[in-house]
Amino acid sequence: VTFRLLDVAADKTPPWLPQSDSTGQALGLQGVRLYNIDPVQDVIHAQLAALAGLSKDFSVRVLLPFLVRVEEYDYWLALIRKALPDDVPVGAMAETPAMVLDIAELLKHADFVAIGCNDLMQSVFAADRDQSALRDYLDPYAPMLYRLFRQVAQDAGDHLNHIQLCGVLSQIPGVLPVLLGLGYR
């Protein structure tokens, strides 16, 4: 089972988290950007302690959300390795154009990668998916989106099987065959 560590975003901000102008916003504080801030830091430590216990009896994987640079992954991986056994795979969520475009380098560091298609599309099209006035910009059939996925597949090369696609994109009629044709499984 893959466990994504706490992933605060605009559409999933817990009521116990102190609000600021940038907390949970698409270009603000979300995902790993909040992990050194209380009370999120306490939640992350509690999640890792629980996963350490689970990993003794079950096969678990851990996923870090909303990474922008490989250095962020390496930083959090070092902290996770202090809490979890070395045999627990740690993956990276690539949800930003910056991280997706650096996929080849990320695959050298991460055990696996999950591309967060919902957040990626929001960033690529510069359209907040929670604002109905902008929904028409989130075009799941846009050719440039598939050129990006083709580039990612090419950059991943033989490691494409270490990438999983998350979100609703593959559930949209006609999209799954295109993704399969690009080599995603």
Protein backbone atom coordinates (compact mmCIF):
# COMPACT_ATOMS: atom_id res chain seq x y z
CA VAL A 1 0.00 0.00 0.00
CA THR A 2 1.26 3.46 -0.86
CA PHE A 3 0.72 6.13 1.81
CA ARG A 4 0.91 9.74 0.71
CA LEU A 5 2.12 11.90 3.57
CA LEU A 6 -0.14 14.77 4.57
CA ASP A 7 -0.98 16.70 1.43
CA VAL A 8 -2.51 20.07 2.26
CA ALA A 9 -3.77 21.92 -0.80
CA ALA A 10 -6.51 24.41 -1.63
CA ASP A 11 -9.14 21.67 -1.93
CA LYS A 12 -7.96 19.80 1.16
CA THR A 13 -7.05 22.21 3.94
CA PRO A 14 -7.81 20.81 7.41
CA PRO A 15 -9.69 23.07 9.81
CA TRP A 16 -6.94 22.69 12.46
CA LEU A 17 -4.32 24.30 10.23
CA PRO A 18 -3.79 28.03 10.92
CA GLN A 19 -4.73 29.92 7.77
CA SER A 20 -2.58 32.42 5.94
CA ASP A 21 -2.89 34.04 2.54
CA SER A 22 -0.71 31.37 0.96
CA THR A 23 -1.59 28.21 2.93
CA GLY A 24 -2.93 25.57 0.60
CA GLN A 25 -2.91 27.83 -2.43
CA ALA A 26 -1.80 26.46 -5.79
CA LEU A 27 1.36 28.57 -5.79
CA GLY A 28 1.70 28.86 -2.02
CA LEU A 29 2.32 26.70 1.00
CA GLN A 30 1.20 23.15 0.35
CA GLY A 31 2.59 19.61 0.36
CA VAL A 32 6.18 19.35 1.65
CA ARG A 33 6.42 23.14 1.89
CA LEU A 34 4.44 22.87 5.13
CA TYR A 35 6.32 19.96 6.71
CA ASN A 36 8.63 22.12 8.87
CA ILE A 37 5.75 24.26 10.16
CA ASP A 38 3.75 23.39 13.29
CA PRO A 39 1.31 21.71 13.61
CA VAL A 40 1.97 19.99 10.26
CA GLN A 41 5.43 18.94 11.44
CA ASP A 42 3.84 17.04 14.34
CA VAL A 43 1.42 15.28 11.98
CA ILE A 44 4.27 14.19 9.69
CA HIS A 45 6.23 12.77 12.64
CA ALA A 46 3.11 10.91 13.80
CA GLN A 47 2.50 9.53 10.29
CA LEU A 48 6.10 8.31 10.03
CA ALA A 49 5.92 6.68 13.48
CA ALA A 50 2.73 4.88 12.47
CA LEU A 51 4.25 3.78 9.15
CA ALA A 52 7.35 2.50 10.94
CA GLY A 53 5.09 0.25 12.99
CA LEU A 54 3.11 -0.90 9.96
CA SER A 55 6.27 -1.61 7.96
CA LYS A 56 7.20 -4.37 10.41
CA ASP A 57 4.23 -6.47 9.28
CA PHE A 58 3.16 -5.05 5.94
CA SER A 59 4.65 -3.92 2.66
CA VAL A 60 4.25 -0.15 2.59
CA ARG A 61 5.47 2.67 0.38
CA VAL A 62 5.62 6.38 1.19
CA LEU A 63 4.88 9.23 -1.20
CA LEU A 64 6.03 12.85 -0.77
CA PRO A 65 3.59 15.40 -2.26
CA PHE A 66 4.18 18.61 -4.17
CA LEU A 67 7.88 18.57 -4.90
CA VAL A 68 9.47 21.12 -7.20
CA ARG A 69 13.16 20.20 -7.04
CA VAL A 70 15.13 16.98 -6.60
CA GLU A 71 16.91 18.63 -3.68
CA GLU A 72 13.57 18.79 -1.83
CA TYR A 73 13.12 15.06 -2.32
CA ASP A 74 16.63 14.37 -1.03
CA TYR A 75 16.08 16.58 2.03
CA TRP A 76 12.84 14.84 3.02
CA LEU A 77 14.21 11.40 2.15
CA ALA A 78 17.03 11.91 4.67
CA LEU A 79 14.48 12.69 7.40
CA ILE A 80 12.24 9.79 6.41
CA ARG A 81 15.18 7.38 6.51
CA LYS A 82 15.70 8.30 10.19
CA ALA A 83 12.14 7.17 10.92
CA LEU A 84 11.58 4.25 8.53
CA PRO A 85 13.56 1.16 7.58
CA ASP A 86 15.70 1.45 4.44
CA ASP A 87 13.59 -1.17 2.65
CA VAL A 88 10.49 1.07 2.63
CA PRO A 89 10.30 2.62 -0.86
CA VAL A 90 9.94 6.39 -0.90
CA GLY A 91 8.42 8.04 -3.92
CA ALA A 92 7.95 11.58 -5.19
CA MET A 93 4.82 13.28 -6.45
CA ALA A 94 5.60 15.26 -9.55
CA GLU A 95 2.74 17.75 -9.73
CA THR A 96 4.51 20.82 -11.06
CA PRO A 97 5.93 21.49 -14.51
CA ALA A 98 9.38 22.01 -12.94
CA MET A 99 9.42 18.55 -11.36
CA VAL A 100 7.89 16.81 -14.37
CA LEU A 101 10.42 18.40 -16.70
CA ASP A 102 13.23 17.13 -14.43
CA ILE A 103 11.81 13.59 -14.34
CA ALA A 104 15.01 11.92 -15.55
CA GLU A 105 16.97 13.36 -12.63
CA LEU A 106 14.18 12.62 -10.16
CA LEU A 107 14.11 8.97 -11.24
CA LYS A 108 17.79 8.70 -10.27
CA HIS A 109 16.85 9.57 -6.68
CA ALA A 110 13.30 8.37 -6.02
CA ASP A 111 12.19 4.75 -5.75
CA PHE A 112 9.10 5.61 -7.79
CA VAL A 113 7.29 8.70 -9.08
CA ALA A 114 3.61 9.55 -9.16
CA ILE A 115 2.61 12.29 -11.57
CA GLY A 116 -0.28 14.22 -10.05
CA CYS A 117 -2.20 15.00 -13.21
CA ASN A 118 -4.83 17.21 -11.54
CA ASP A 119 -2.29 19.63 -10.04
CA LEU A 120 -0.01 19.36 -13.07
CA MET A 121 -2.81 20.41 -15.43
CA GLN A 122 -3.72 23.26 -13.09
CA SER A 123 -0.13 24.54 -13.28
CA VAL A 124 0.35 23.91 -16.99
CA PHE A 125 -2.85 25.72 -17.93
CA ALA A 126 -2.53 28.40 -15.19
CA ALA A 127 -6.12 27.70 -14.15
CA ASP A 128 -7.32 26.94 -10.63
CA ARG A 129 -9.46 23.82 -10.95
CA ASP A 130 -11.65 25.01 -8.07
CA GLN A 131 -12.72 28.17 -9.91
CA SER A 132 -15.58 27.34 -12.24
CA ALA A 133 -14.84 30.37 -14.42
CA LEU A 134 -11.49 28.80 -15.35
CA ARG A 135 -12.58 25.21 -15.98
CA ASP A 136 -12.61 25.61 -19.77
CA TYR A 137 -8.86 26.21 -19.65
CA LEU A 138 -8.29 22.74 -18.16
CA ASP A 139 -8.51 20.93 -21.49
CA PRO A 140 -7.81 17.21 -21.04
CA TYR A 141 -7.61 16.82 -24.83
CA ALA A 142 -5.08 19.61 -25.48
CA PRO A 143 -2.31 18.30 -27.77
CA MET A 144 0.36 20.19 -25.82
CA LEU A 145 -0.54 18.17 -22.70
CA TYR A 146 0.26 14.95 -24.54
CA ARG A 147 3.45 16.41 -25.99
CA LEU A 148 4.45 16.99 -22.36
CA PHE A 149 3.56 13.41 -21.42
CA ARG A 150 5.47 12.14 -24.47
CA GLN A 151 8.52 14.17 -23.42
CA VAL A 152 8.29 12.77 -19.88
CA ALA A 153 8.05 9.21 -21.24
CA GLN A 154 11.08 9.79 -23.47
CA ASP A 155 13.06 11.38 -20.63
CA ALA A 156 12.15 8.48 -18.32
CA GLY A 157 13.37 5.95 -20.89
CA ASP A 158 13.70 2.48 -19.42
CA HIS A 159 12.41 3.78 -16.08
CA LEU A 160 8.94 4.69 -17.35
CA ASN A 161 7.60 1.67 -15.44
CA HIS A 162 8.57 3.50 -12.20
CA ILE A 163 6.03 6.24 -12.99
CA GLN A 164 2.36 6.04 -12.12
CA LEU A 165 -0.26 8.57 -13.16
CA CYS A 166 -2.63 9.87 -10.48
CA GLY A 167 -5.79 11.90 -10.80
CA VAL A 168 -8.83 11.79 -13.01
CA LEU A 169 -7.11 12.32 -16.38
CA SER A 170 -6.93 8.63 -17.34
CA GLN A 171 -10.64 8.24 -16.53
CA ILE A 172 -11.72 10.80 -19.12
CA PRO A 173 -13.13 9.13 -22.26
CA GLY A 174 -10.49 8.57 -24.92
CA VAL A 175 -7.50 9.52 -22.77
CA LEU A 176 -6.38 6.12 -21.47
CA PRO A 177 -5.58 4.71 -24.94
CA VAL A 178 -3.41 7.74 -25.68
CA LEU A 179 -1.50 7.33 -22.40
CA LEU A 180 -1.05 3.61 -23.09
CA GLY A 181 0.20 4.49 -26.57
CA LEU A 182 2.80 6.79 -24.99
CA GLY A 183 4.04 3.85 -22.92
CA TYR A 184 2.42 4.50 -19.53
CA ARG A 185 1.13 1.45 -17.69
